[in-house]
């Protein structure tokens, strides 16, 4: 346990070097093998690494941190949060695939389910009642169809999207542009607390980081990176939501836009995206169809499963616990259980007939 904590301190220490970005961090890891290896290296060796500036290399050698790493770790623990690195099994797979993934994340709440697909929903901080209703209803419907929702905890479209997902019993991720100990805006404290209980809040910024304007475009790449696609509900032509949409294209994600009134400047950004080739969507089914994920509507009461009684140590019980409330591919079930496909197929069919699980398109299963 002590060794794991010491290793985490090295990760945190490198993360707290001023001026060291994600790409340079990754280059150092590739060169030296681990954060500990970086701190054990000579200045001349560090300077040989691609994209490492001399002043950053000097800070590493002198161990000049933005904040004392052990103190930061204690602050995180007092907040009831934790740290995951890009090498941890709980680090989101899709996020790892972008050009510049955060090498370290602060997280509060539940682990992000590895088998859950996410849709990002972004838009105006000052939306119309139309925008609020559309985003909340769409998030609610997506969650009931087995998708998670990612947004940024901002007022307006972000908040409505988070609430829609929560009310459907889904998993939502709030990506902050502040430290994990800063709730911004403060009016969203109730929402923040609810997300921590049912989903999670994440950030790459150290505790104490204030809501500086420059942080939000940086965090937007995480919103896009976590997601299969990005939905823009209401946005002006200068909205930060268009930055997220642009990042989504860079990440190879789908971009969706909800049309609004041609007379509403708050929908001008959405209409611009539509002219540029974004997919026009009116409801959750449009998104699911475009992604090839035509999950059926799952009534909330059918997804709970609290009263399901299965024999202890039975294969059905093991499968049922593995599948959970989020879709999982049959190959992953097979690999994790280490059983032959014929036996697995027979058991899955029996469970479907009993009404325990249902099969979704693409050989995925959900309770």
Foldseek 3Di string as FASTA:
>chain_A
DVVVVVLVLLVQLLLFQPPQAQVLVVQLCVQQVGSVSLLVDDLVSSVVGPPDDSVSSVCSPVSPGPDNSVVLQVVLVVVQKHKDAPPDPLPAPLLNPAPRRQGMKIKFADRDDNQAAEEEEDADLDDDPVLLVQLLQQLLQLQLLFHEYEYALHHDSRLSNLVSNVVNLGAYEHEYLFAPPDRPPPVCPVVQVSNRHRYMYMYSYGHPGDNDVVSVLVSLLVSLSRHQEYEYEWAALPGSVVSSNVSNVSSVHAYEYEADDPPDNRRNNRVVVVVVPHHYDRHNCSVCVVVVFNGDRHHSVLQPCPPDDDDPPDPLVVLLVVQHAHKDAPVVVCVVVVDDPVVSVVSVVVCVVVSSWDATPPRIIGD
